[in-house]
PDB file of all heavy atoms in Angstrom:
ATOM      1  N   SER A   1       0.807  -1.113  -0.029  1.00  0.00           N
ATOM      2  CA  SER A   1       0.009   0.071   0.013  1.00  0.00           C
ATOM      3  C   SER A   1       0.899   1.189   0.074  1.00  0.00           C
ATOM      4  O   SER A   1       1.983   1.209   0.426  1.00  0.00           O
ATOM      5  CB  SER A   1      -0.796   0.013   1.167  1.00  0.00           C
ATOM      6  OG  SER A   1      -1.565   1.148   1.306  1.00  0.00           O
ATOM      7  N   GLU A   2       0.308   2.335  -0.479  1.00  0.00           N
ATOM      8  CA  GLU A   2       1.007   3.624  -0.468  1.00  0.00           C
ATOM      9  C   GLU A   2       0.706   4.358   0.906  1.00  0.00           C
ATOM     10  O   GLU A   2      -0.396   4.271   1.248  1.00  0.00           O
ATOM     11  CB  GLU A   2       0.630   4.563  -1.630  1.00  0.00           C
ATOM     12  CG  GLU A   2       1.466   5.756  -1.654  1.00  0.00           C
ATOM     13  CD  GLU A   2       1.053   6.685  -2.821  1.00  0.00           C
ATOM     14  OE1 GLU A   2      -0.190   6.638  -3.277  1.00  0.00           O
ATOM     15  OE2 GLU A   2       2.054   7.322  -3.407  1.00  0.00           O
ATOM     16  N   THR A   3       1.698   4.779   1.512  1.00  0.00           N
ATOM     17  CA  THR A   3       1.443   5.655   2.710  1.00  0.00           C
ATOM     18  C   THR A   3       1.960   7.073   2.520  1.00  0.00           C
ATOM     19  O   THR A   3       2.439   7.463   1.472  1.00  0.00           O
ATOM     20  CB  THR A   3       2.339   4.956   3.902  1.00  0.00           C
ATOM     21  OG1 THR A   3       3.777   5.161   3.497  1.00  0.00           O
ATOM     22  CG2 THR A   3       2.087   3.518   3.997  1.00  0.00           C
ATOM     23  N   GLY A   4       1.782   7.879   3.621  1.00  0.00           N
ATOM     24  CA  GLY A   4       2.262   9.222   3.422  1.00  0.00           C
ATOM     25  C   GLY A   4       3.677   9.363   3.225  1.00  0.00           C
ATOM     26  O   GLY A   4       4.086  10.497   2.675  1.00  0.00           O
ATOM     27  N   ASP A   5       4.519   8.465   3.607  1.00  0.00           N
ATOM     28  CA  ASP A   5       5.965   8.644   3.465  1.00  0.00           C
ATOM     29  C   ASP A   5       6.545   7.508   2.637  1.00  0.00           C
ATOM     30  O   ASP A   5       7.790   7.204   2.758  1.00  0.00           O
ATOM     31  CB  ASP A   5       6.714   8.752   4.845  1.00  0.00           C
ATOM     32  CG  ASP A   5       6.352   7.452   5.624  1.00  0.00           C
ATOM     33  OD1 ASP A   5       5.568   6.673   5.164  1.00  0.00           O
ATOM     34  OD2 ASP A   5       6.952   7.299   6.775  1.00  0.00           O
ATOM     35  N   GLY A   6       5.782   6.846   1.747  1.00  0.00           N
ATOM     36  CA  GLY A   6       6.414   5.929   0.863  1.00  0.00           C
ATOM     37  C   GLY A   6       5.431   4.636   0.660  1.00  0.00           C
ATOM     38  O   GLY A   6       4.182   4.899   0.486  1.00  0.00           O
ATOM     39  N   PHE A   7       5.899   3.460   0.785  1.00  0.00           N
ATOM     40  CA  PHE A   7       5.130   2.261   0.635  1.00  0.00           C
ATOM     41  C   PHE A   7       5.466   1.198   1.826  1.00  0.00           C
ATOM     42  O   PHE A   7       6.496   1.307   2.323  1.00  0.00           O
ATOM     43  CB  PHE A   7       5.568   1.635  -0.762  1.00  0.00           C
ATOM     44  CG  PHE A   7       5.444   2.529  -1.890  1.00  0.00           C
ATOM     45  CD1 PHE A   7       6.587   3.088  -2.499  1.00  0.00           C
ATOM     46  CD2 PHE A   7       4.173   2.865  -2.440  1.00  0.00           C
ATOM     47  CE1 PHE A   7       6.500   3.824  -3.574  1.00  0.00           C
ATOM     48  CE2 PHE A   7       4.143   3.677  -3.640  1.00  0.00           C
ATOM     49  CZ  PHE A   7       5.351   4.109  -4.011  1.00  0.00           C
ATOM     50  N   ARG A   8       4.516   0.477   2.042  1.00  0.00           N
ATOM     51  CA  ARG A   8       4.753  -0.615   3.066  1.00  0.00           C
ATOM     52  C   ARG A   8       3.876  -1.806   2.685  1.00  0.00           C
ATOM     53  O   ARG A   8       2.798  -1.782   2.085  1.00  0.00           O
ATOM     54  CB  ARG A   8       4.186  -0.079   4.510  1.00  0.00           C
ATOM     55  CG  ARG A   8       2.682  -0.002   4.594  1.00  0.00           C
ATOM     56  CD  ARG A   8       2.436   0.634   6.043  1.00  0.00           C
ATOM     57  NE  ARG A   8       0.921   0.871   6.184  1.00  0.00           N
ATOM     58  CZ  ARG A   8       0.136  -0.170   6.645  1.00  0.00           C
ATOM     59  NH1 ARG A   8       0.572  -1.320   7.016  1.00  0.00           N
ATOM     60  NH2 ARG A   8      -1.212   0.051   6.775  1.00  0.00           N
ATOM     61  N   LYS A   9       4.427  -3.023   3.074  1.00  0.00           N
ATOM     62  CA  LYS A   9       3.898  -4.270   2.844  1.00  0.00           C
ATOM     63  C   LYS A   9       2.860  -4.497   4.021  1.00  0.00           C
ATOM     64  O   LYS A   9       3.201  -4.347   5.179  1.00  0.00           O
ATOM     65  CB  LYS A   9       4.771  -5.344   2.891  1.00  0.00           C
ATOM     66  CG  LYS A   9       4.268  -6.767   2.645  1.00  0.00           C
ATOM     67  CD  LYS A   9       5.211  -7.941   2.719  1.00  0.00           C
ATOM     68  CE  LYS A   9       5.432  -8.276   4.117  1.00  0.00           C
ATOM     69  NZ  LYS A   9       6.219  -9.459   4.338  1.00  0.00           N
ATOM     70  N   ILE A  10       1.556  -4.748   3.753  1.00  0.00           N
ATOM     71  CA  ILE A  10       0.566  -4.815   4.808  1.00  0.00           C
ATOM     72  C   ILE A  10       0.208  -6.221   5.094  1.00  0.00           C
ATOM     73  O   ILE A  10      -0.136  -6.612   6.139  1.00  0.00           O
ATOM     74  CB  ILE A  10      -0.709  -4.024   4.388  1.00  0.00           C
ATOM     75  CG1 ILE A  10      -1.309  -4.699   3.032  1.00  0.00           C
ATOM     76  CG2 ILE A  10      -0.463  -2.657   4.164  1.00  0.00           C
ATOM     77  CD1 ILE A  10      -2.708  -4.094   2.710  1.00  0.00           C
ATOM     78  N   GLU A  11       0.499  -7.260   4.101  1.00  0.00           N
ATOM     79  CA  GLU A  11       0.239  -8.585   4.361  1.00  0.00           C
ATOM     80  C   GLU A  11       0.683  -9.558   3.257  1.00  0.00           C
ATOM     81  O   GLU A  11       1.096  -9.037   2.181  1.00  0.00           O
ATOM     82  CB  GLU A  11      -1.306  -8.775   4.671  1.00  0.00           C
ATOM     83  CG  GLU A  11      -2.202  -8.523   3.429  1.00  0.00           C
ATOM     84  CD  GLU A  11      -3.546  -8.836   3.658  1.00  0.00           C
ATOM     85  OE1 GLU A  11      -3.940  -9.735   4.475  1.00  0.00           O
ATOM     86  OE2 GLU A  11      -4.486  -8.207   3.035  1.00  0.00           O
ATOM     87  N   GLU A  12       0.562 -10.795   3.505  1.00  0.00           N
ATOM     88  CA  GLU A  12       0.797 -11.744   2.357  1.00  0.00           C
ATOM     89  C   GLU A  12      -0.549 -12.558   2.202  1.00  0.00           C
ATOM     90  O   GLU A  12      -1.120 -12.890   3.221  1.00  0.00           O
ATOM     91  CB  GLU A  12       1.969 -12.733   2.588  1.00  0.00           C
ATOM     92  CG  GLU A  12       3.260 -12.019   2.591  1.00  0.00           C
ATOM     93  CD  GLU A  12       4.510 -12.944   2.567  1.00  0.00           C
ATOM     94  OE1 GLU A  12       4.219 -14.164   2.434  1.00  0.00           O
ATOM     95  OE2 GLU A  12       5.558 -12.489   2.601  1.00  0.00           O
ATOM     96  N   ARG A  13      -0.892 -12.895   1.001  1.00  0.00           N
ATOM     97  CA  ARG A  13      -2.042 -13.710   0.713  1.00  0.00           C
ATOM     98  C   ARG A  13      -1.705 -14.830  -0.136  1.00  0.00           C
ATOM     99  O   ARG A  13      -0.781 -14.940  -1.015  1.00  0.00           O
ATOM    100  CB  ARG A  13      -3.140 -12.808  -0.129  1.00  0.00           C
ATOM    101  CG  ARG A  13      -3.627 -11.599   0.641  1.00  0.00           C
ATOM    102  CD  ARG A  13      -4.634 -10.911  -0.140  1.00  0.00           C
ATOM    103  NE  ARG A  13      -4.916  -9.570   0.465  1.00  0.00           N
ATOM    104  CZ  ARG A  13      -5.653  -8.619  -0.072  1.00  0.00           C
ATOM    105  NH1 ARG A  13      -6.104  -8.775  -1.354  1.00  0.00           N
ATOM    106  NH2 ARG A  13      -5.943  -7.537   0.586  1.00  0.00           N
ATOM    107  N   ASP A  14      -2.284 -16.016   0.149  1.00  0.00           N
ATOM    108  CA  ASP A  14      -2.007 -17.257  -0.499  1.00  0.00           C
ATOM    109  C   ASP A  14      -2.571 -17.243  -1.904  1.00  0.00           C
ATOM    110  O   ASP A  14      -3.788 -16.762  -2.123  1.00  0.00           O
ATOM    111  CB  ASP A  14      -2.584 -18.460   0.290  1.00  0.00           C
ATOM    112  CG  ASP A  14      -1.890 -18.715   1.605  1.00  0.00           C
ATOM    113  OD1 ASP A  14      -0.748 -18.375   1.742  1.00  0.00           O
ATOM    114  OD2 ASP A  14      -2.469 -19.193   2.510  1.00  0.00           O
ATOM    115  N   ALA A  15      -1.806 -17.658  -2.881  1.00  0.00           N
ATOM    116  CA  ALA A  15      -2.360 -17.861  -4.227  1.00  0.00           C
ATOM    117  C   ALA A  15      -3.105 -19.190  -4.364  1.00  0.00           C
ATOM    118  O   ALA A  15      -2.667 -20.058  -3.448  1.00  0.00           O
ATOM    119  CB  ALA A  15      -1.179 -17.872  -5.235  1.00  0.00           C
ATOM    120  N   PRO A  16      -4.074 -19.390  -5.171  1.00  0.00           N
ATOM    121  CA  PRO A  16      -4.803 -20.628  -5.256  1.00  0.00           C
ATOM    122  C   PRO A  16      -3.765 -21.765  -5.659  1.00  0.00           C
ATOM    123  O   PRO A  16      -2.716 -21.477  -6.347  1.00  0.00           O
ATOM    124  CB  PRO A  16      -5.811 -20.419  -6.316  1.00  0.00           C
ATOM    125  CG  PRO A  16      -6.076 -18.988  -6.355  1.00  0.00           C
ATOM    126  CD  PRO A  16      -4.682 -18.337  -6.127  1.00  0.00           C
ATOM    127  N   GLU A  17      -4.071 -22.997  -5.252  1.00  0.00           N
ATOM    128  CA  GLU A  17      -3.233 -24.140  -5.582  1.00  0.00           C
ATOM    129  C   GLU A  17      -3.137 -24.332  -7.042  1.00  0.00           C
ATOM    130  O   GLU A  17      -4.141 -24.090  -7.733  1.00  0.00           O
ATOM    131  CB  GLU A  17      -3.810 -25.434  -4.858  1.00  0.00           C
ATOM    132  CG  GLU A  17      -3.672 -25.407  -3.416  1.00  0.00           C
ATOM    133  CD  GLU A  17      -2.194 -25.564  -2.910  1.00  0.00           C
ATOM    134  OE1 GLU A  17      -1.425 -26.094  -3.527  1.00  0.00           O
ATOM    135  OE2 GLU A  17      -1.912 -24.950  -1.843  1.00  0.00           O
ATOM    136  N   PRO A  18      -1.998 -24.814  -7.599  1.00  0.00           N
ATOM    137  CA  PRO A  18      -1.960 -25.142  -8.992  1.00  0.00           C
ATOM    138  C   PRO A  18      -3.051 -26.154  -9.476  1.00  0.00           C
ATOM    139  O   PRO A  18      -3.522 -26.967  -8.643  1.00  0.00           O
ATOM    140  CB  PRO A  18      -0.593 -25.746  -9.233  1.00  0.00           C
ATOM    141  CG  PRO A  18       0.279 -25.165  -8.058  1.00  0.00           C
ATOM    142  CD  PRO A  18      -0.782 -25.071  -6.813  1.00  0.00           C
ATOM    143  N   GLY A  19      -3.332 -26.050 -10.709  1.00  0.00           N
ATOM    144  CA  GLY A  19      -4.437 -26.878 -11.223  1.00  0.00           C
ATOM    145  C   GLY A  19      -5.809 -26.107 -11.230  1.00  0.00           C
ATOM    146  O   GLY A  19      -5.916 -25.074 -10.630  1.00  0.00           O
ATOM    147  N   GLY A  20      -6.647 -26.700 -11.909  1.00  0.00           N
ATOM    148  CA  GLY A  20      -8.000 -26.084 -11.842  1.00  0.00           C
ATOM    149  C   GLY A  20      -8.255 -25.245 -13.060  1.00  0.00           C
ATOM    150  O   GLY A  20      -9.386 -24.633 -13.217  1.00  0.00           O
ATOM    151  N   GLY A  21      -7.274 -25.067 -13.899  1.00  0.00           N
ATOM    152  CA  GLY A  21      -7.473 -24.236 -15.106  1.00  0.00           C
ATOM    153  C   GLY A  21      -7.929 -22.829 -14.867  1.00  0.00           C
ATOM    154  O   GLY A  21      -7.435 -22.151 -13.888  1.00  0.00           O
ATOM    155  N   ILE A  22      -8.888 -22.331 -15.580  1.00  0.00           N
ATOM    156  CA  ILE A  22      -9.241 -20.955 -15.501  1.00  0.00           C
ATOM    157  C   ILE A  22      -9.850 -20.626 -14.092  1.00  0.00           C
ATOM    158  O   ILE A  22      -9.865 -19.472 -13.677  1.00  0.00           O
ATOM    159  CB  ILE A  22     -10.294 -20.586 -16.679  1.00  0.00           C
ATOM    160  CG1 ILE A  22     -10.356 -19.192 -16.986  1.00  0.00           C
ATOM    161  CG2 ILE A  22     -11.630 -21.102 -16.347  1.00  0.00           C
ATOM    162  CD1 ILE A  22      -9.121 -18.777 -17.819  1.00  0.00           C
ATOM    163  N   LEU A  23     -10.449 -21.668 -13.466  1.00  0.00           N
ATOM    164  CA  LEU A  23     -11.053 -21.385 -12.144  1.00  0.00           C
ATOM    165  C   LEU A  23     -10.042 -20.852 -11.172  1.00  0.00           C
ATOM    166  O   LEU A  23     -10.289 -20.048 -10.262  1.00  0.00           O
ATOM    167  CB  LEU A  23     -11.714 -22.674 -11.657  1.00  0.00           C
ATOM    168  CG  LEU A  23     -12.321 -22.605 -10.240  1.00  0.00           C
ATOM    169  CD1 LEU A  23     -13.478 -21.607 -10.170  1.00  0.00           C
ATOM    170  CD2 LEU A  23     -12.952 -23.937  -9.865  1.00  0.00           C
ATOM    171  N   ARG A  24      -8.859 -21.397 -11.283  1.00  0.00           N
ATOM    172  CA  ARG A  24      -7.712 -20.881 -10.395  1.00  0.00           C
ATOM    173  C   ARG A  24      -7.525 -19.437 -10.504  1.00  0.00           C
ATOM    174  O   ARG A  24      -7.386 -18.740  -9.559  1.00  0.00           O
ATOM    175  CB  ARG A  24      -6.379 -21.659 -10.759  1.00  0.00           C
ATOM    176  CG  ARG A  24      -5.199 -21.163 -10.057  1.00  0.00           C
ATOM    177  CD  ARG A  24      -3.989 -21.800 -10.501  1.00  0.00           C
ATOM    178  NE  ARG A  24      -2.880 -21.492  -9.675  1.00  0.00           N
ATOM    179  CZ  ARG A  24      -1.553 -21.618  -9.936  1.00  0.00           C
ATOM    180  NH1 ARG A  24      -1.223 -22.232 -11.213  1.00  0.00           N
ATOM    181  NH2 ARG A  24      -0.597 -21.307  -9.138  1.00  0.00           N
ATOM    182  N   TRP A  25      -7.576 -18.936 -11.734  1.00  0.00           N
ATOM    183  CA  TRP A  25      -7.278 -17.421 -11.907  1.00  0.00           C
ATOM    184  C   TRP A  25      -8.514 -16.667 -11.533  1.00  0.00           C
ATOM    185  O   TRP A  25      -8.353 -15.518 -11.092  1.00  0.00           O
ATOM    186  CB  TRP A  25      -6.905 -17.192 -13.348  1.00  0.00           C
ATOM    187  CG  TRP A  25      -5.581 -18.117 -13.629  1.00  0.00           C
ATOM    188  CD1 TRP A  25      -5.597 -19.096 -14.600  1.00  0.00           C
ATOM    189  CD2 TRP A  25      -4.405 -18.198 -12.980  1.00  0.00           C
ATOM    190  NE1 TRP A  25      -4.393 -19.718 -14.602  1.00  0.00           N
ATOM    191  CE2 TRP A  25      -3.669 -19.184 -13.591  1.00  0.00           C
ATOM    192  CE3 TRP A  25      -3.969 -17.492 -11.917  1.00  0.00           C
ATOM    193  CZ2 TRP A  25      -2.364 -19.404 -13.092  1.00  0.00           C
ATOM    194  CZ3 TRP A  25      -2.596 -17.727 -11.415  1.00  0.00           C
ATOM    195  CH2 TRP A  25      -1.771 -18.743 -12.013  1.00  0.00           C
ATOM    196  N   LYS A  26      -9.661 -17.131 -11.652  1.00  0.00           N
ATOM    197  CA  LYS A  26     -10.852 -16.413 -11.158  1.00  0.00           C
ATOM    198  C   LYS A  26     -10.861 -16.355  -9.669  1.00  0.00           C
ATOM    199  O   LYS A  26     -11.202 -15.231  -9.049  1.00  0.00           O
ATOM    200  CB  LYS A  26     -12.189 -17.144 -11.649  1.00  0.00           C
ATOM    201  CG  LYS A  26     -12.320 -16.975 -13.153  1.00  0.00           C
ATOM    202  CD  LYS A  26     -13.691 -17.650 -13.544  1.00  0.00           C
ATOM    203  CE  LYS A  26     -13.857 -17.409 -15.117  1.00  0.00           C
ATOM    204  NZ  LYS A  26     -15.118 -18.113 -15.538  1.00  0.00           N
ATOM    205  N   GLN A  27     -10.297 -17.437  -9.042  1.00  0.00           N
ATOM    206  CA  GLN A  27     -10.141 -17.384  -7.457  1.00  0.00           C
ATOM    207  C   GLN A  27      -9.096 -16.365  -7.166  1.00  0.00           C
ATOM    208  O   GLN A  27      -9.290 -15.607  -6.176  1.00  0.00           O
ATOM    209  CB  GLN A  27      -9.848 -18.758  -7.000  1.00  0.00           C
ATOM    210  CG  GLN A  27     -11.001 -19.763  -7.097  1.00  0.00           C
ATOM    211  CD  GLN A  27     -10.432 -21.214  -6.830  1.00  0.00           C
ATOM    212  OE1 GLN A  27      -9.229 -21.441  -6.763  1.00  0.00           O
ATOM    213  NE2 GLN A  27     -11.330 -22.045  -6.508  1.00  0.00           N
ATOM    214  N   LEU A  28      -8.028 -16.285  -7.920  1.00  0.00           N
ATOM    215  CA  LEU A  28      -7.027 -15.229  -7.575  1.00  0.00           C
ATOM    216  C   LEU A  28      -7.455 -13.879  -7.828  1.00  0.00           C
ATOM    217  O   LEU A  28      -7.236 -12.980  -6.950  1.00  0.00           O
ATOM    218  CB  LEU A  28      -5.782 -15.535  -8.504  1.00  0.00           C
ATOM    219  CG  LEU A  28      -4.628 -14.508  -8.279  1.00  0.00           C
ATOM    220  CD1 LEU A  28      -4.057 -14.684  -7.014  1.00  0.00           C
ATOM    221  CD2 LEU A  28      -3.607 -14.725  -9.425  1.00  0.00           C
ATOM    222  N   ALA A  29      -8.315 -13.642  -8.814  1.00  0.00           N
ATOM    223  CA  ALA A  29      -8.914 -12.345  -9.047  1.00  0.00           C
ATOM    224  C   ALA A  29      -9.858 -11.913  -7.842  1.00  0.00           C
ATOM    225  O   ALA A  29      -9.789 -10.699  -7.455  1.00  0.00           O
ATOM    226  CB  ALA A  29      -9.655 -12.312 -10.265  1.00  0.00           C
ATOM    227  N   GLU A  30     -10.547 -12.874  -7.338  1.00  0.00           N
ATOM    228  CA  GLU A  30     -11.337 -12.614  -6.170  1.00  0.00           C
ATOM    229  C   GLU A  30     -10.424 -12.333  -4.903  1.00  0.00           C
ATOM    230  O   GLU A  30     -10.730 -11.386  -4.172  1.00  0.00           O
ATOM    231  CB  GLU A  30     -12.201 -13.811  -5.911  1.00  0.00           C
ATOM    232  CG  GLU A  30     -13.052 -13.528  -4.700  1.00  0.00           C
ATOM    233  CD  GLU A  30     -14.012 -12.442  -4.735  1.00  0.00           C
ATOM    234  OE1 GLU A  30     -14.401 -11.874  -5.778  1.00  0.00           O
ATOM    235  OE2 GLU A  30     -14.397 -12.011  -3.628  1.00  0.00           O
ATOM    236  N   THR A  31      -9.298 -12.966  -4.804  1.00  0.00           N
ATOM    237  CA  THR A  31      -8.358 -12.728  -3.758  1.00  0.00           C
ATOM    238  C   THR A  31      -7.809 -11.404  -3.800  1.00  0.00           C
ATOM    239  O   THR A  31      -7.561 -10.739  -2.727  1.00  0.00           O
ATOM    240  CB  THR A  31      -7.328 -13.739  -3.750  1.00  0.00           C
ATOM    241  OG1 THR A  31      -7.826 -15.199  -3.515  1.00  0.00           O
ATOM    242  CG2 THR A  31      -6.285 -13.603  -2.671  1.00  0.00           C
TER     243      THR A  31
END
């Protein structure tokens, strides 16, 4: 995220597990 004095990491989010085809990327878009 951008802050008043630069940028900071706010968290880490898990990417969907490999496999699942296009559904994997729709899940990622929601994430």
